Each structure stands twice: as C-alpha cells, then as structure tokens.
Amino acid sequence: MEKKEILSFEEIMKQNERRVHYYIHRLKVNDTHQEFFQEGLVAMWHAYERYQPDKGALSTYFNYTIRHRLIDLIQKKAKEQRNDVPN
C-alpha cells in the first residue's frame, strides 16, 4: 500500500492558483486590484479546510467553491454600485 504525501496549503495553493485566474477570466471580471484573486484564494483555503475525501475530488470542490465565492462577490459589487447611484 502506498503512503499518500500530505501537502501543505502553500503547496496546494501554488498548484491550484491558476484555477482562481481561470474563473476570474471565465466570469469576465476586471480584477485590477486583485480583490477577486484574493477572494478566490480565501475560498480555496476554506475548501481545503472543509474538504471531506469521501465526498469527491478536492479539485471539484475547489472549482465549486471558488466559482461561487467569485459570483457572490460580483453580486455584492453590483448591489453596492446600485446603492451608490443617486436617484
């Protein structure tokens, strides 16, 4: 039986940070201040902490969590812009 290597979050992040960039591009977000990238990393961190191997692949959980966190941030920004517009 092979012993699985346990990776630190830093190693996982380096291997998967392109996922965050992929979803930023896919969702057509202009991320000049890297706010969405940072939010994606936070989502990845939370997914890493909550991951349950018996539920499925870690990569799938990363994809789901990152995408939905970025969509939530897009919606939050849109709501803030609507509230800032004077009547």
PDB file of N, CA and C in Angstrom:
ATOM      1  N   MET A   1       0.841  -1.180   0.000  1.00  0.00           N
ATOM      2  CA  MET A   1       0.000   0.000   0.000  1.00  0.00           C
ATOM      3  C   MET A   1       0.885   1.242   0.000  1.00  0.00           C
ATOM      4  N   GLU A   2       0.597   2.183  -0.893  1.00  0.00           N
ATOM      5  CA  GLU A   2       1.372   3.415  -0.992  1.00  0.00           C
ATOM      6  C   GLU A   2       0.944   4.402   0.080  1.00  0.00           C
ATOM      7  N   LYS A   3       1.918   5.093   0.603  1.00  0.00           N
ATOM      8  CA  LYS A   3       1.634   6.137   1.581  1.00  0.00           C
ATOM      9  C   LYS A   3       1.414   7.439   0.826  1.00  0.00           C
ATOM     10  N   LYS A   4       0.277   8.084   1.025  1.00  0.00           N
ATOM     11  CA  LYS A   4      -0.021   9.347   0.358  1.00  0.00           C
ATOM     12  C   LYS A   4       0.726  10.481   1.030  1.00  0.00           C
ATOM     13  N   GLU A   5       1.294  11.352   0.202  1.00  0.00           N
ATOM     14  CA  GLU A   5       2.008  12.507   0.706  1.00  0.00           C
ATOM     15  C   GLU A   5       0.996  13.590   1.086  1.00  0.00           C
ATOM     16  N   ILE A   6       1.153  14.142   2.267  1.00  0.00           N
ATOM     17  CA  ILE A   6       0.277  15.215   2.724  1.00  0.00           C
ATOM     18  C   ILE A   6       0.948  16.538   2.362  1.00  0.00           C
ATOM     19  N   LEU A   7       0.237  17.349   1.607  1.00  0.00           N
ATOM     20  CA  LEU A   7       0.770  18.630   1.156  1.00  0.00           C
ATOM     21  C   LEU A   7       0.294  19.754   2.059  1.00  0.00           C
ATOM     22  N   SER A   8       1.127  20.766   2.224  1.00  0.00           N
ATOM     23  CA  SER A   8       0.723  21.950   2.981  1.00  0.00           C
ATOM     24  C   SER A   8      -0.195  22.792   2.097  1.00  0.00           C
ATOM     25  N   PHE A   9      -0.892  23.728   2.712  1.00  0.00           N
ATOM     26  CA  PHE A   9      -1.771  24.590   1.931  1.00  0.00           C
ATOM     27  C   PHE A   9      -0.969  25.424   0.947  1.00  0.00           C
ATOM     28  N   GLU A  10       0.218  25.846   1.318  1.00  0.00           N
ATOM     29  CA  GLU A  10       1.047  26.643   0.410  1.00  0.00           C
ATOM     30  C   GLU A  10       1.347  25.868  -0.872  1.00  0.00           C
ATOM     31  N   GLU A  11       1.642  24.576  -0.727  1.00  0.00           N
ATOM     32  CA  GLU A  11       1.904  23.743  -1.903  1.00  0.00           C
ATOM     33  C   GLU A  11       0.638  23.559  -2.743  1.00  0.00           C
ATOM     34  N   ILE A  12      -0.464  23.334  -2.045  1.00  0.00           N
ATOM     35  CA  ILE A  12      -1.757  23.180  -2.734  1.00  0.00           C
ATOM     36  C   ILE A  12      -2.090  24.481  -3.475  1.00  0.00           C
ATOM     37  N   MET A  13      -1.863  25.621  -2.820  1.00  0.00           N
ATOM     38  CA  MET A  13      -2.171  26.908  -3.429  1.00  0.00           C
ATOM     39  C   MET A  13      -1.343  27.126  -4.696  1.00  0.00           C
ATOM     40  N   LYS A  14      -0.051  26.841  -4.626  1.00  0.00           N
ATOM     41  CA  LYS A  14       0.807  27.017  -5.796  1.00  0.00           C
ATOM     42  C   LYS A  14       0.347  26.140  -6.956  1.00  0.00           C
ATOM     43  N   GLN A  15      -0.107  24.943  -6.639  1.00  0.00           N
ATOM     44  CA  GLN A  15      -0.560  24.018  -7.674  1.00  0.00           C
ATOM     45  C   GLN A  15      -1.914  24.405  -8.248  1.00  0.00           C
ATOM     46  N   ASN A  16      -2.717  25.155  -7.500  1.00  0.00           N
ATOM     47  CA  ASN A  16      -4.102  25.413  -7.904  1.00  0.00           C
ATOM     48  C   ASN A  16      -4.473  26.870  -8.088  1.00  0.00           C
ATOM     49  N   GLU A  17      -3.532  27.803  -7.941  1.00  0.00           N
ATOM     50  CA  GLU A  17      -3.894  29.214  -8.059  1.00  0.00           C
ATOM     51  C   GLU A  17      -4.367  29.554  -9.476  1.00  0.00           C
ATOM     52  N   ARG A  18      -3.980  28.758 -10.454  1.00  0.00           N
ATOM     53  CA  ARG A  18      -4.462  29.001 -11.818  1.00  0.00           C
ATOM     54  C   ARG A  18      -5.973  28.800 -11.927  1.00  0.00           C
ATOM     55  N   ARG A  19      -6.529  27.985 -11.046  1.00  0.00           N
ATOM     56  CA  ARG A  19      -7.996  27.816 -11.018  1.00  0.00           C
ATOM     57  C   ARG A  19      -8.673  29.152 -10.739  1.00  0.00           C
ATOM     58  N   VAL A  20      -8.123  29.912  -9.823  1.00  0.00           N
ATOM     59  CA  VAL A  20      -8.696  31.213  -9.474  1.00  0.00           C
ATOM     60  C   VAL A  20      -8.630  32.135 -10.690  1.00  0.00           C
ATOM     61  N   HIS A  21      -7.468  32.178 -11.330  1.00  0.00           N
ATOM     62  CA  HIS A  21      -7.318  33.008 -12.531  1.00  0.00           C
ATOM     63  C   HIS A  21      -8.281  32.554 -13.630  1.00  0.00           C
ATOM     64  N   TYR A  22      -8.455  31.255 -13.751  1.00  0.00           N
ATOM     65  CA  TYR A  22      -9.367  30.713 -14.761  1.00  0.00           C
ATOM     66  C   TYR A  22     -10.780  31.241 -14.543  1.00  0.00           C
ATOM     67  N   TYR A  23     -11.277  31.185 -13.306  1.00  0.00           N
ATOM     68  CA  TYR A  23     -12.648  31.634 -13.041  1.00  0.00           C
ATOM     69  C   TYR A  23     -12.788  33.149 -13.133  1.00  0.00           C
ATOM     70  N   ILE A  24     -11.758  33.883 -12.777  1.00  0.00           N
ATOM     71  CA  ILE A  24     -11.799  35.339 -12.956  1.00  0.00           C
ATOM     72  C   ILE A  24     -11.956  35.654 -14.439  1.00  0.00           C
ATOM     73  N   HIS A  25     -11.179  34.974 -15.262  1.00  0.00           N
ATOM     74  CA  HIS A  25     -11.269  35.170 -16.716  1.00  0.00           C
ATOM     75  C   HIS A  25     -12.611  34.681 -17.252  1.00  0.00           C
ATOM     76  N   ARG A  26     -13.037  33.535 -16.815  1.00  0.00           N
ATOM     77  CA  ARG A  26     -14.288  32.923 -17.289  1.00  0.00           C
ATOM     78  C   ARG A  26     -15.505  33.788 -16.952  1.00  0.00           C
ATOM     79  N   LEU A  27     -15.460  34.418 -15.779  1.00  0.00           N
ATOM     80  CA  LEU A  27     -16.570  35.274 -15.350  1.00  0.00           C
ATOM     81  C   LEU A  27     -16.422  36.709 -15.856  1.00  0.00           C
ATOM     82  N   LYS A  28     -15.375  36.953 -16.651  1.00  0.00           N
ATOM     83  CA  LYS A  28     -15.122  38.260 -17.275  1.00  0.00           C
ATOM     84  C   LYS A  28     -15.024  39.386 -16.239  1.00  0.00           C
ATOM     85  N   VAL A  29     -14.213  39.138 -15.219  1.00  0.00           N
ATOM     86  CA  VAL A  29     -14.022  40.106 -14.150  1.00  0.00           C
ATOM     87  C   VAL A  29     -12.755  40.904 -14.422  1.00  0.00           C
ATOM     88  N   ASN A  30     -12.857  42.220 -14.300  1.00  0.00           N
ATOM     89  CA  ASN A  30     -11.691  43.093 -14.381  1.00  0.00           C
ATOM     90  C   ASN A  30     -11.140  43.217 -12.963  1.00  0.00           C
ATOM     91  N   ASP A  31     -10.061  42.515 -12.691  1.00  0.00           N
ATOM     92  CA  ASP A  31      -9.526  42.419 -11.328  1.00  0.00           C
ATOM     93  C   ASP A  31      -8.239  43.219 -11.184  1.00  0.00           C
ATOM     94  N   THR A  32      -8.316  44.520 -11.433  1.00  0.00           N
ATOM     95  CA  THR A  32      -7.120  45.361 -11.406  1.00  0.00           C
ATOM     96  C   THR A  32      -6.499  45.462 -10.015  1.00  0.00           C
ATOM     97  N   HIS A  33      -7.291  45.357  -8.982  1.00  0.00           N
ATOM     98  CA  HIS A  33      -6.775  45.470  -7.617  1.00  0.00           C
ATOM     99  C   HIS A  33      -6.573  44.110  -6.958  1.00  0.00           C
ATOM    100  N   GLN A  34      -6.720  43.035  -7.707  1.00  0.00           N
ATOM    101  CA  GLN A  34      -6.528  41.665  -7.230  1.00  0.00           C
ATOM    102  C   GLN A  34      -7.486  41.277  -6.102  1.00  0.00           C
ATOM    103  N   GLU A  35      -8.581  42.003  -5.983  1.00  0.00           N
ATOM    104  CA  GLU A  35      -9.565  41.704  -4.948  1.00  0.00           C
ATOM    105  C   GLU A  35     -10.223  40.343  -5.195  1.00  0.00           C
ATOM    106  N   PHE A  36     -10.553  40.071  -6.449  1.00  0.00           N
ATOM    107  CA  PHE A  36     -11.195  38.805  -6.770  1.00  0.00           C
ATOM    108  C   PHE A  36     -10.218  37.641  -6.630  1.00  0.00           C
ATOM    109  N   PHE A  37      -8.963  37.875  -6.979  1.00  0.00           N
ATOM    110  CA  PHE A  37      -7.954  36.825  -6.817  1.00  0.00           C
ATOM    111  C   PHE A  37      -7.806  36.471  -5.342  1.00  0.00           C
ATOM    112  N   GLN A  38      -7.727  37.483  -4.486  1.00  0.00           N
ATOM    113  CA  GLN A  38      -7.603  37.238  -3.051  1.00  0.00           C
ATOM    114  C   GLN A  38      -8.832  36.511  -2.507  1.00  0.00           C
ATOM    115  N   GLU A  39      -9.994  36.900  -2.985  1.00  0.00           N
ATOM    116  CA  GLU A  39     -11.230  36.240  -2.551  1.00  0.00           C
ATOM    117  C   GLU A  39     -11.234  34.775  -2.992  1.00  0.00           C
ATOM    118  N   GLY A  40     -10.732  34.524  -4.190  1.00  0.00           N
ATOM    119  CA  GLY A  40     -10.621  33.143  -4.680  1.00  0.00           C
ATOM    120  C   GLY A  40      -9.674  32.314  -3.833  1.00  0.00           C
ATOM    121  N   LEU A  41      -8.567  32.912  -3.393  1.00  0.00           N
ATOM    122  CA  LEU A  41      -7.628  32.194  -2.525  1.00  0.00           C
ATOM    123  C   LEU A  41      -8.256  31.877  -1.172  1.00  0.00           C
ATOM    124  N   VAL A  42      -9.026  32.824  -0.652  1.00  0.00           N
ATOM    125  CA  VAL A  42      -9.729  32.583   0.620  1.00  0.00           C
ATOM    126  C   VAL A  42     -10.726  31.435   0.448  1.00  0.00           C
ATOM    127  N   ALA A  43     -11.433  31.436  -0.674  1.00  0.00           N
ATOM    128  CA  ALA A  43     -12.386  30.354  -0.945  1.00  0.00           C
ATOM    129  C   ALA A  43     -11.656  29.014  -1.021  1.00  0.00           C
ATOM    130  N   MET A  44     -10.487  29.008  -1.657  1.00  0.00           N
ATOM    131  CA  MET A  44      -9.706  27.781  -1.755  1.00  0.00           C
ATOM    132  C   MET A  44      -9.257  27.318  -0.367  1.00  0.00           C
ATOM    133  N   TRP A  45      -8.859  28.252   0.465  1.00  0.00           N
ATOM    134  CA  TRP A  45      -8.443  27.927   1.831  1.00  0.00           C
ATOM    135  C   TRP A  45      -9.597  27.281   2.608  1.00  0.00           C
ATOM    136  N   HIS A  46     -10.776  27.880   2.518  1.00  0.00           N
ATOM    137  CA  HIS A  46     -11.937  27.325   3.228  1.00  0.00           C
ATOM    138  C   HIS A  46     -12.297  25.945   2.682  1.00  0.00           C
ATOM    139  N   ALA A  47     -12.213  25.777   1.373  1.00  0.00           N
ATOM    140  CA  ALA A  47     -12.498  24.471   0.773  1.00  0.00           C
ATOM    141  C   ALA A  47     -11.482  23.435   1.246  1.00  0.00           C
ATOM    142  N   TYR A  48     -10.241  23.831   1.330  1.00  0.00           N
ATOM    143  CA  TYR A  48      -9.168  22.936   1.793  1.00  0.00           C
ATOM    144  C   TYR A  48      -9.429  22.490   3.227  1.00  0.00           C
ATOM    145  N   GLU A  49      -9.869  23.425   4.071  1.00  0.00           N
ATOM    146  CA  GLU A  49     -10.135  23.096   5.475  1.00  0.00           C
ATOM    147  C   GLU A  49     -11.357  22.203   5.655  1.00  0.00           C
ATOM    148  N   ARG A  50     -12.379  22.401   4.824  1.00  0.00           N
ATOM    149  CA  ARG A  50     -13.639  21.659   4.975  1.00  0.00           C
ATOM    150  C   ARG A  50     -13.720  20.404   4.125  1.00  0.00           C
ATOM    151  N   TYR A  51     -12.721  20.152   3.310  1.00  0.00           N
ATOM    152  CA  TYR A  51     -12.762  19.035   2.365  1.00  0.00           C
ATOM    153  C   TYR A  51     -12.932  17.691   3.078  1.00  0.00           C
ATOM    154  N   GLN A  52     -13.849  16.886   2.537  1.00  0.00           N
ATOM    155  CA  GLN A  52     -14.082  15.536   3.024  1.00  0.00           C
ATOM    156  C   GLN A  52     -13.833  14.568   1.864  1.00  0.00           C
ATOM    157  N   PRO A  53     -12.747  13.795   1.917  1.00  0.00           N
ATOM    158  CA  PRO A  53     -12.358  12.936   0.796  1.00  0.00           C
ATOM    159  C   PRO A  53     -13.446  11.961   0.330  1.00  0.00           C
ATOM    160  N   ASP A  54     -14.302  11.539   1.231  1.00  0.00           N
ATOM    161  CA  ASP A  54     -15.350  10.591   0.843  1.00  0.00           C
ATOM    162  C   ASP A  54     -16.461  11.245   0.019  1.00  0.00           C
ATOM    163  N   LYS A  55     -16.466  12.567  -0.082  1.00  0.00           N
ATOM    164  CA  LYS A  55     -17.497  13.297  -0.834  1.00  0.00           C
ATOM    165  C   LYS A  55     -17.131  13.526  -2.296  1.00  0.00           C
ATOM    166  N   GLY A  56     -15.857  13.368  -2.669  1.00  0.00           N
ATOM    167  CA  GLY A  56     -15.452  13.590  -4.049  1.00  0.00           C
ATOM    168  C   GLY A  56     -14.042  14.144  -4.135  1.00  0.00           C
ATOM    169  N   ALA A  57     -13.663  14.535  -5.337  1.00  0.00           N
ATOM    170  CA  ALA A  57     -12.308  15.030  -5.587  1.00  0.00           C
ATOM    171  C   ALA A  57     -12.124  16.450  -5.037  1.00  0.00           C
ATOM    172  N   LEU A  58     -10.941  16.719  -4.512  1.00  0.00           N
ATOM    173  CA  LEU A  58     -10.627  18.043  -3.989  1.00  0.00           C
ATOM    174  C   LEU A  58     -10.701  19.095  -5.091  1.00  0.00           C
ATOM    175  N   SER A  59     -10.243  18.760  -6.280  1.00  0.00           N
ATOM    176  CA  SER A  59     -10.264  19.723  -7.391  1.00  0.00           C
ATOM    177  C   SER A  59     -11.687  20.158  -7.729  1.00  0.00           C
ATOM    178  N   THR A  60     -12.614  19.238  -7.687  1.00  0.00           N
ATOM    179  CA  THR A  60     -14.020  19.559  -7.959  1.00  0.00           C
ATOM    180  C   THR A  60     -14.566  20.500  -6.880  1.00  0.00           C
ATOM    181  N   TYR A  61     -14.212  20.223  -5.649  1.00  0.00           N
ATOM    182  CA  TYR A  61     -14.656  21.073  -4.542  1.00  0.00           C
ATOM    183  C   TYR A  61     -14.043  22.467  -4.647  1.00  0.00           C
ATOM    184  N   PHE A  62     -12.763  22.534  -5.029  1.00  0.00           N
ATOM    185  CA  PHE A  62     -12.137  23.831  -5.274  1.00  0.00           C
ATOM    186  C   PHE A  62     -12.893  24.597  -6.348  1.00  0.00           C
ATOM    187  N   ASN A  63     -13.161  23.953  -7.470  1.00  0.00           N
ATOM    188  CA  ASN A  63     -13.852  24.619  -8.580  1.00  0.00           C
ATOM    189  C   ASN A  63     -15.190  25.182  -8.127  1.00  0.00           C
ATOM    190  N   TYR A  64     -15.966  24.365  -7.463  1.00  0.00           N
ATOM    191  CA  TYR A  64     -17.293  24.768  -6.999  1.00  0.00           C
ATOM    192  C   TYR A  64     -17.196  25.953  -6.037  1.00  0.00           C
ATOM    193  N   THR A  65     -16.315  25.848  -5.058  1.00  0.00           N
ATOM    194  CA  THR A  65     -16.207  26.870  -4.023  1.00  0.00           C
ATOM    195  C   THR A  65     -15.682  28.193  -4.579  1.00  0.00           C
ATOM    196  N   ILE A  66     -14.636  28.128  -5.386  1.00  0.00           N
ATOM    197  CA  ILE A  66     -14.058  29.349  -5.959  1.00  0.00           C
ATOM    198  C   ILE A  66     -15.072  30.052  -6.845  1.00  0.00           C
ATOM    199  N   ARG A  67     -15.702  29.307  -7.736  1.00  0.00           N
ATOM    200  CA  ARG A  67     -16.665  29.902  -8.670  1.00  0.00           C
ATOM    201  C   ARG A  67     -17.797  30.608  -7.924  1.00  0.00           C
ATOM    202  N   HIS A  68     -18.362  29.925  -6.946  1.00  0.00           N
ATOM    203  CA  HIS A  68     -19.495  30.507  -6.232  1.00  0.00           C
ATOM    204  C   HIS A  68     -19.085  31.687  -5.353  1.00  0.00           C
ATOM    205  N   ARG A  69     -17.892  31.659  -4.791  1.00  0.00           N
ATOM    206  CA  ARG A  69     -17.426  32.794  -3.997  1.00  0.00           C
ATOM    207  C   ARG A  69     -17.231  34.008  -4.897  1.00  0.00           C
ATOM    208  N   LEU A  70     -16.689  33.806  -6.092  1.00  0.00           N
ATOM    209  CA  LEU A  70     -16.496  34.925  -7.012  1.00  0.00           C
ATOM    210  C   LEU A  70     -17.830  35.478  -7.507  1.00  0.00           C
ATOM    211  N   ILE A  71     -18.783  34.615  -7.781  1.00  0.00           N
ATOM    212  CA  ILE A  71     -20.118  35.065  -8.188  1.00  0.00           C
ATOM    213  C   ILE A  71     -20.765  35.890  -7.070  1.00  0.00           C
ATOM    214  N   ASP A  72     -20.613  35.440  -5.835  1.00  0.00           N
ATOM    215  CA  ASP A  72     -21.146  36.198  -4.697  1.00  0.00           C
ATOM    216  C   ASP A  72     -20.522  37.587  -4.617  1.00  0.00           C
ATOM    217  N   LEU A  73     -19.210  37.671  -4.861  1.00  0.00           N
ATOM    218  CA  LEU A  73     -18.532  38.965  -4.820  1.00  0.00           C
ATOM    219  C   LEU A  73     -18.984  39.866  -5.966  1.00  0.00           C
ATOM    220  N   ILE A  74     -19.195  39.303  -7.136  1.00  0.00           N
ATOM    221  CA  ILE A  74     -19.707  40.074  -8.276  1.00  0.00           C
ATOM    222  C   ILE A  74     -21.071  40.663  -7.927  1.00  0.00           C
ATOM    223  N   GLN A  75     -21.936  39.839  -7.358  1.00  0.00           N
ATOM    224  CA  GLN A  75     -23.270  40.302  -6.989  1.00  0.00           C
ATOM    225  C   GLN A  75     -23.214  41.376  -5.903  1.00  0.00           C
ATOM    226  N   LYS A  76     -22.306  41.209  -4.949  1.00  0.00           N
ATOM    227  CA  LYS A  76     -22.150  42.198  -3.884  1.00  0.00           C
ATOM    228  C   LYS A  76     -21.695  43.538  -4.462  1.00  0.00           C
ATOM    229  N   LYS A  77     -20.730  43.496  -5.378  1.00  0.00           N
ATOM    230  CA  LYS A  77     -20.228  44.722  -6.005  1.00  0.00           C
ATOM    231  C   LYS A  77     -21.323  45.408  -6.826  1.00  0.00           C
ATOM    232  N   ALA A  78     -22.116  44.624  -7.540  1.00  0.00           N
ATOM    233  CA  ALA A  78     -23.204  45.183  -8.348  1.00  0.00           C
ATOM    234  C   ALA A  78     -24.239  45.859  -7.451  1.00  0.00           C
ATOM    235  N   LYS A  79     -24.539  45.250  -6.327  1.00  0.00           N
ATOM    236  CA  LYS A  79     -25.507  45.830  -5.389  1.00  0.00           C
ATOM    237  C   LYS A  79     -24.965  47.132  -4.799  1.00  0.00           C
ATOM    238  N   GLU A  80     -23.670  47.146  -4.467  1.00  0.00           N
ATOM    239  CA  GLU A  80     -23.053  48.358  -3.936  1.00  0.00           C
ATOM    240  C   GLU A  80     -23.107  49.488  -4.958  1.00  0.00           C
ATOM    241  N   GLN A  81     -22.870  49.162  -6.230  1.00  0.00           N
ATOM    242  CA  GLN A  81     -22.924  50.179  -7.282  1.00  0.00           C
ATOM    243  C   GLN A  81     -24.336  50.720  -7.450  1.00  0.00           C
ATOM    244  N   ARG A  82     -25.324  49.855  -7.377  1.00  0.00           N
ATOM    245  CA  ARG A  82     -26.727  50.303  -7.499  1.00  0.00           C
ATOM    246  C   ARG A  82     -27.084  51.227  -6.333  1.00  0.00           C
ATOM    247  N   ASN A  83     -26.591  50.930  -5.153  1.00  0.00           N
ATOM    248  CA  ASN A  83     -26.903  51.753  -3.979  1.00  0.00           C
ATOM    249  C   ASN A  83     -26.156  53.079  -3.991  1.00  0.00           C
ATOM    250  N   ASP A  84     -25.045  53.167  -4.692  1.00  0.00           N
ATOM    251  CA  ASP A  84     -24.263  54.405  -4.765  1.00  0.00           C
ATOM    252  C   ASP A  84     -24.802  55.387  -5.792  1.00  0.00           C
ATOM    253  N   VAL A  85     -25.653  54.931  -6.690  1.00  0.00           N
ATOM    254  CA  VAL A  85     -26.190  55.800  -7.736  1.00  0.00           C
ATOM    255  C   VAL A  85     -27.269  56.704  -7.129  1.00  0.00           C
ATOM    256  N   PRO A  86     -27.113  58.036  -7.273  1.00  0.00           N
ATOM    257  CA  PRO A  86     -28.143  58.932  -6.715  1.00  0.00           C
ATOM    258  C   PRO A  86     -29.441  58.832  -7.523  1.00  0.00           C
ATOM    259  N   ASN A  87     -30.556  59.016  -6.847  1.00  0.00           N
ATOM    260  CA  ASN A  87     -31.875  58.918  -7.505  1.00  0.00           C
ATOM    261  C   ASN A  87     -32.183  60.090  -8.326  1.00  0.00           C
TER     262      ASN A  87
END
